[in-house]
């Protein structure tokens, strides 16, 4: 029973990001579809369909819906491109920042919103490039291991004091990998893992449920 539950939650966590993305995309698409159905655009499409030939009510409804669906999809893509372009302009960037501050102040919603925003920004930004390697260290005590990221292969400030080779390590928290602990360790105490940064982030977000593929089995 425990294995079935573990498999269920693993599958749920694995498919959840895809389901949420499809749901949000579909939700926005349906908004455009509803708006276009009740607009002058629908009248223009019906006139176009009538000119093309079919005059039956069923044919008119069928072809009109197809054209409105296509138009809704194209409108959604254009809107996302326009928003993305606008957010690069200083004025719109400032407005976006102001709206973001307002959303963060909403009770309950703010915690979910801020966590999702931080995780998305982690994957979308260049921050992953700062993570040079995935490492394993004994932290917070001997015998307990933590997964972290090497952010620098040396630290001359600390090395001048200790006289030993050191490196900078960032230990993220689970399930939000954007927060965590920065520590400096001796290189001899750091074990480098042969996994990708993306796989390590998924592992941390899932709380250890989503393991990277075993290279020895492949």
Protein backbone atom coordinates (compact mmCIF):
# COMPACT_ATOMS: atom_id res chain seq x y z
CA UNK A 1 0.00 0.00 0.00
CA UNK A 2 2.87 2.36 0.82
CA UNK A 3 4.47 1.71 -2.58
CA UNK A 4 1.15 2.43 -4.33
CA UNK A 5 0.80 5.72 -2.40
CA UNK A 6 4.40 6.68 -3.19
CA UNK A 7 3.87 5.91 -6.88
CA UNK A 8 0.62 7.88 -6.86
CA UNK A 9 2.24 10.99 -5.37
CA UNK A 10 5.26 10.67 -7.68
CA UNK A 11 2.95 10.58 -10.70
CA UNK A 12 0.91 13.48 -9.32
CA UNK A 13 3.96 15.69 -8.80
CA UNK A 14 5.37 14.75 -12.21
CA UNK A 15 2.17 15.60 -14.12
CA UNK A 16 1.01 18.57 -12.01
CA UNK A 17 3.13 21.27 -13.78
CA UNK A 18 1.85 20.10 -17.19
CA UNK A 19 -1.78 20.03 -16.02
CA UNK A 20 -1.53 23.49 -14.44
CA UNK A 21 0.09 24.95 -17.59
CA UNK A 22 -2.59 23.44 -19.86
CA UNK A 23 -5.36 24.56 -17.48
CA UNK A 24 -4.14 28.16 -17.36
CA UNK A 25 -3.61 28.30 -21.13
CA UNK A 26 -7.08 26.81 -21.74
CA UNK A 27 -8.67 29.21 -19.23
CA UNK A 28 -7.20 32.27 -20.99
CA UNK A 29 -8.16 30.79 -24.36
CA UNK A 30 -11.79 30.35 -23.23
CA UNK A 31 -11.90 33.99 -22.12
CA UNK A 32 -10.90 35.11 -25.62
CA UNK A 33 -13.36 32.66 -27.19
CA UNK A 34 -16.24 34.02 -25.06
CA UNK A 35 -15.34 37.63 -25.83
CA UNK A 36 -15.13 36.97 -29.58
CA UNK A 37 -18.42 35.05 -29.61
CA UNK A 38 -20.31 38.11 -28.38
CA UNK A 39 -18.50 40.68 -30.51
CA UNK A 40 -18.80 42.19 -33.98
CA UNK A 41 -16.06 39.76 -35.03
CA UNK A 42 -18.60 36.90 -34.85
CA UNK A 43 -20.97 38.77 -37.17
CA UNK A 44 -18.15 39.31 -39.65
CA UNK A 45 -17.15 35.62 -39.49
CA UNK A 46 -20.75 34.49 -40.06
CA UNK A 47 -21.00 36.74 -43.09
CA UNK A 48 -17.73 35.28 -44.39
CA UNK A 49 -18.97 31.71 -43.86
CA UNK A 50 -22.25 32.46 -45.67
CA UNK A 51 -20.34 33.83 -48.64
CA UNK A 52 -18.22 30.67 -48.78
CA UNK A 53 -21.26 28.48 -49.50
CA UNK A 54 -22.85 26.53 -46.61
CA UNK A 55 -26.24 27.91 -45.58
CA UNK A 56 -27.45 25.27 -43.11
CA UNK A 57 -27.60 26.34 -39.46
CA UNK A 58 -25.43 23.39 -38.38
CA UNK A 59 -22.80 24.16 -41.01
CA UNK A 60 -22.84 27.83 -40.09
CA UNK A 61 -22.35 27.05 -36.40
CA UNK A 62 -19.59 24.50 -37.12
CA UNK A 63 -17.50 26.70 -39.44
CA UNK A 64 -18.02 29.79 -37.28
CA UNK A 65 -16.74 27.97 -34.20
CA UNK A 66 -13.66 26.73 -36.07
CA UNK A 67 -12.79 30.24 -37.25
CA UNK A 68 -13.40 31.75 -33.81
CA UNK A 69 -11.20 29.06 -32.20
CA UNK A 70 -8.40 29.82 -34.65
CA UNK A 71 -8.80 33.55 -34.12
CA UNK A 72 -8.82 33.12 -30.30
CA UNK A 73 -5.61 31.08 -30.45
CA UNK A 74 -3.84 33.61 -32.69
CA UNK A 75 -5.06 36.49 -30.47
CA UNK A 76 -3.74 34.74 -27.35
CA UNK A 77 -0.30 34.19 -28.88
CA UNK A 78 -0.14 37.83 -30.08
CA UNK A 79 -1.25 39.08 -26.66
CA UNK A 80 1.51 37.11 -24.90
CA UNK A 81 4.09 38.48 -27.36
CA UNK A 82 2.81 42.05 -26.83
CA UNK A 83 2.87 41.67 -23.02
CA UNK A 84 6.37 40.19 -23.15
CA UNK A 85 7.57 43.07 -25.34
CA UNK A 86 5.83 45.68 -23.18
CA UNK A 87 7.42 44.32 -20.00
CA UNK A 88 10.82 45.21 -21.42
CA UNK A 89 9.82 48.87 -21.62
CA UNK A 90 10.71 50.82 -18.47
CA UNK A 91 7.21 52.24 -17.87
CA UNK A 92 5.43 48.88 -18.22
CA UNK A 93 8.13 47.19 -16.14
CA UNK A 94 7.40 49.69 -13.38
CA UNK A 95 3.64 49.06 -13.62
CA UNK A 96 4.28 45.29 -13.53
CA UNK A 97 6.41 45.71 -10.41
CA UNK A 98 3.66 47.76 -8.74
CA UNK A 99 1.01 45.11 -9.52
CA UNK A 100 3.35 42.43 -8.22
CA UNK A 101 3.66 44.27 -4.90
CA UNK A 102 -0.14 44.51 -4.65
CA UNK A 103 -0.60 40.77 -5.27
CA UNK A 104 1.99 39.89 -2.64
CA UNK A 105 -0.04 41.82 -0.03
CA UNK A 106 -3.18 39.69 -0.55
CA UNK A 107 -3.58 37.27 2.42
CA UNK A 108 -3.22 33.50 1.68
CA UNK A 109 -2.87 34.18 -2.05
CA UNK A 110 0.45 35.93 -1.48
CA UNK A 111 2.24 32.80 -0.21
CA UNK A 112 1.24 30.67 -3.19
CA UNK A 113 1.82 33.49 -5.68
CA UNK A 114 5.26 34.44 -4.37
CA UNK A 115 6.45 30.80 -4.28
CA UNK A 116 5.30 30.07 -7.85
CA UNK A 117 6.78 33.38 -9.06
CA UNK A 118 10.15 32.63 -7.50
CA UNK A 119 10.28 29.10 -8.94
CA UNK A 120 9.31 30.33 -12.42
CA UNK A 121 11.90 33.11 -12.27
CA UNK A 122 14.54 30.53 -11.28
CA UNK A 123 13.88 28.46 -14.42
CA UNK A 124 13.45 31.50 -16.68
CA UNK A 125 16.48 33.48 -15.50
CA UNK A 126 20.22 32.97 -15.86
CA UNK A 127 20.50 31.95 -12.22
CA UNK A 128 20.89 28.29 -13.17
CA UNK A 129 24.10 29.23 -15.01
CA UNK A 130 25.55 30.39 -11.68
CA UNK A 131 25.16 26.84 -10.38
CA UNK A 132 28.35 25.25 -11.70
CA UNK A 133 27.89 21.75 -10.31
CA UNK A 134 25.50 19.73 -8.19
CA UNK A 135 27.18 18.64 -4.96
CA UNK A 136 26.53 16.57 -1.86
CA UNK A 137 27.81 17.64 1.53
CA UNK A 138 27.44 16.54 5.14
CA UNK A 139 25.08 19.21 6.46
CA UNK A 140 23.76 20.20 8.99
CA UNK A 141 25.76 17.51 10.85
CA UNK A 142 27.95 14.47 10.24
CA UNK A 143 26.01 11.55 8.81
CA UNK A 144 23.27 13.75 7.31
CA UNK A 145 23.67 14.69 3.65
CA UNK A 146 22.29 17.68 1.76
CA UNK A 147 22.11 18.45 -1.94
CA UNK A 148 23.55 21.80 -2.95
CA UNK A 149 25.03 23.77 -5.83
CA UNK A 150 28.62 24.91 -6.22
CA UNK A 151 28.48 28.61 -7.10
CA UNK A 152 32.22 29.16 -7.13
CA UNK A 153 35.17 26.77 -7.32
CA UNK A 154 37.23 28.98 -5.05
CA UNK A 155 37.03 31.74 -2.44
CA UNK A 156 40.28 33.66 -2.14
CA UNK A 157 39.01 35.75 0.79
CA UNK A 158 38.53 32.70 3.01
CA UNK A 159 41.48 30.78 1.54
CA UNK A 160 43.85 33.57 2.64
CA UNK A 161 42.70 33.01 6.23
CA UNK A 162 42.38 29.21 6.30
CA UNK A 163 45.26 28.39 3.97
CA UNK A 164 43.12 25.64 2.37
CA UNK A 165 41.24 25.30 -0.91
CA UNK A 166 37.63 26.36 -0.36
CA UNK A 167 34.50 26.63 -2.48
CA UNK A 168 31.14 28.41 -2.24
CA UNK A 169 28.05 26.23 -1.84
CA UNK A 170 24.38 27.20 -1.96
CA UNK A 171 22.03 24.78 -0.17
CA UNK A 172 18.43 25.36 -1.33
CA UNK A 173 15.34 24.64 0.73
CA UNK A 174 12.53 22.29 -0.31
CA UNK A 175 10.06 22.79 -1.98
CA UNK A 176 11.15 26.38 -2.75
CA UNK A 177 14.72 26.20 -4.15
CA UNK A 178 15.05 29.98 -4.48
CA UNK A 179 15.73 30.35 -0.75
CA UNK A 180 18.39 28.57 1.21
CA UNK A 181 21.75 28.75 2.96
CA UNK A 182 25.10 29.96 1.66
CA UNK A 183 28.10 28.18 3.17
CA UNK A 184 31.84 27.90 2.45
CA UNK A 185 33.41 24.45 2.64
CA UNK A 186 36.76 22.81 2.12
CA UNK A 187 36.92 21.26 -1.35
CA UNK A 188 37.88 17.93 0.24
CA UNK A 189 34.50 17.86 2.02
CA UNK A 190 32.47 18.41 -1.16
CA UNK A 191 31.30 15.46 -3.27
CA UNK A 192 30.32 16.30 -6.86
CA UNK A 193 27.23 14.46 -8.17
CA UNK A 194 26.92 13.42 -11.80
CA UNK A 195 23.47 14.92 -12.42
CA UNK A 196 22.17 17.97 -14.28
CA UNK A 197 21.24 21.17 -12.45
CA UNK A 198 17.67 20.93 -13.82
CA UNK A 199 17.29 17.40 -12.43
CA UNK A 200 18.63 18.51 -9.05
CA UNK A 201 16.13 21.38 -8.91
CA UNK A 202 13.25 18.98 -9.71
CA UNK A 203 14.52 16.66 -6.99
CA UNK A 204 14.53 19.49 -4.43
CA UNK A 205 11.11 20.88 -5.45
CA UNK A 206 9.53 17.42 -5.18
CA UNK A 207 11.07 16.81 -1.78
CA UNK A 208 13.08 13.86 -3.08
CA UNK A 209 10.18 12.17 -4.89
CA UNK A 210 11.32 12.84 -8.48
CA UNK A 211 14.71 11.18 -8.82
CA UNK A 212 16.88 11.71 -11.93
CA UNK A 213 17.25 8.67 -14.24
CA UNK A 214 19.79 6.06 -13.21
CA UNK A 215 22.60 6.17 -15.79
CA UNK A 216 23.80 2.70 -14.85
CA UNK A 217 20.44 1.17 -15.80
CA UNK A 218 20.28 2.92 -19.21
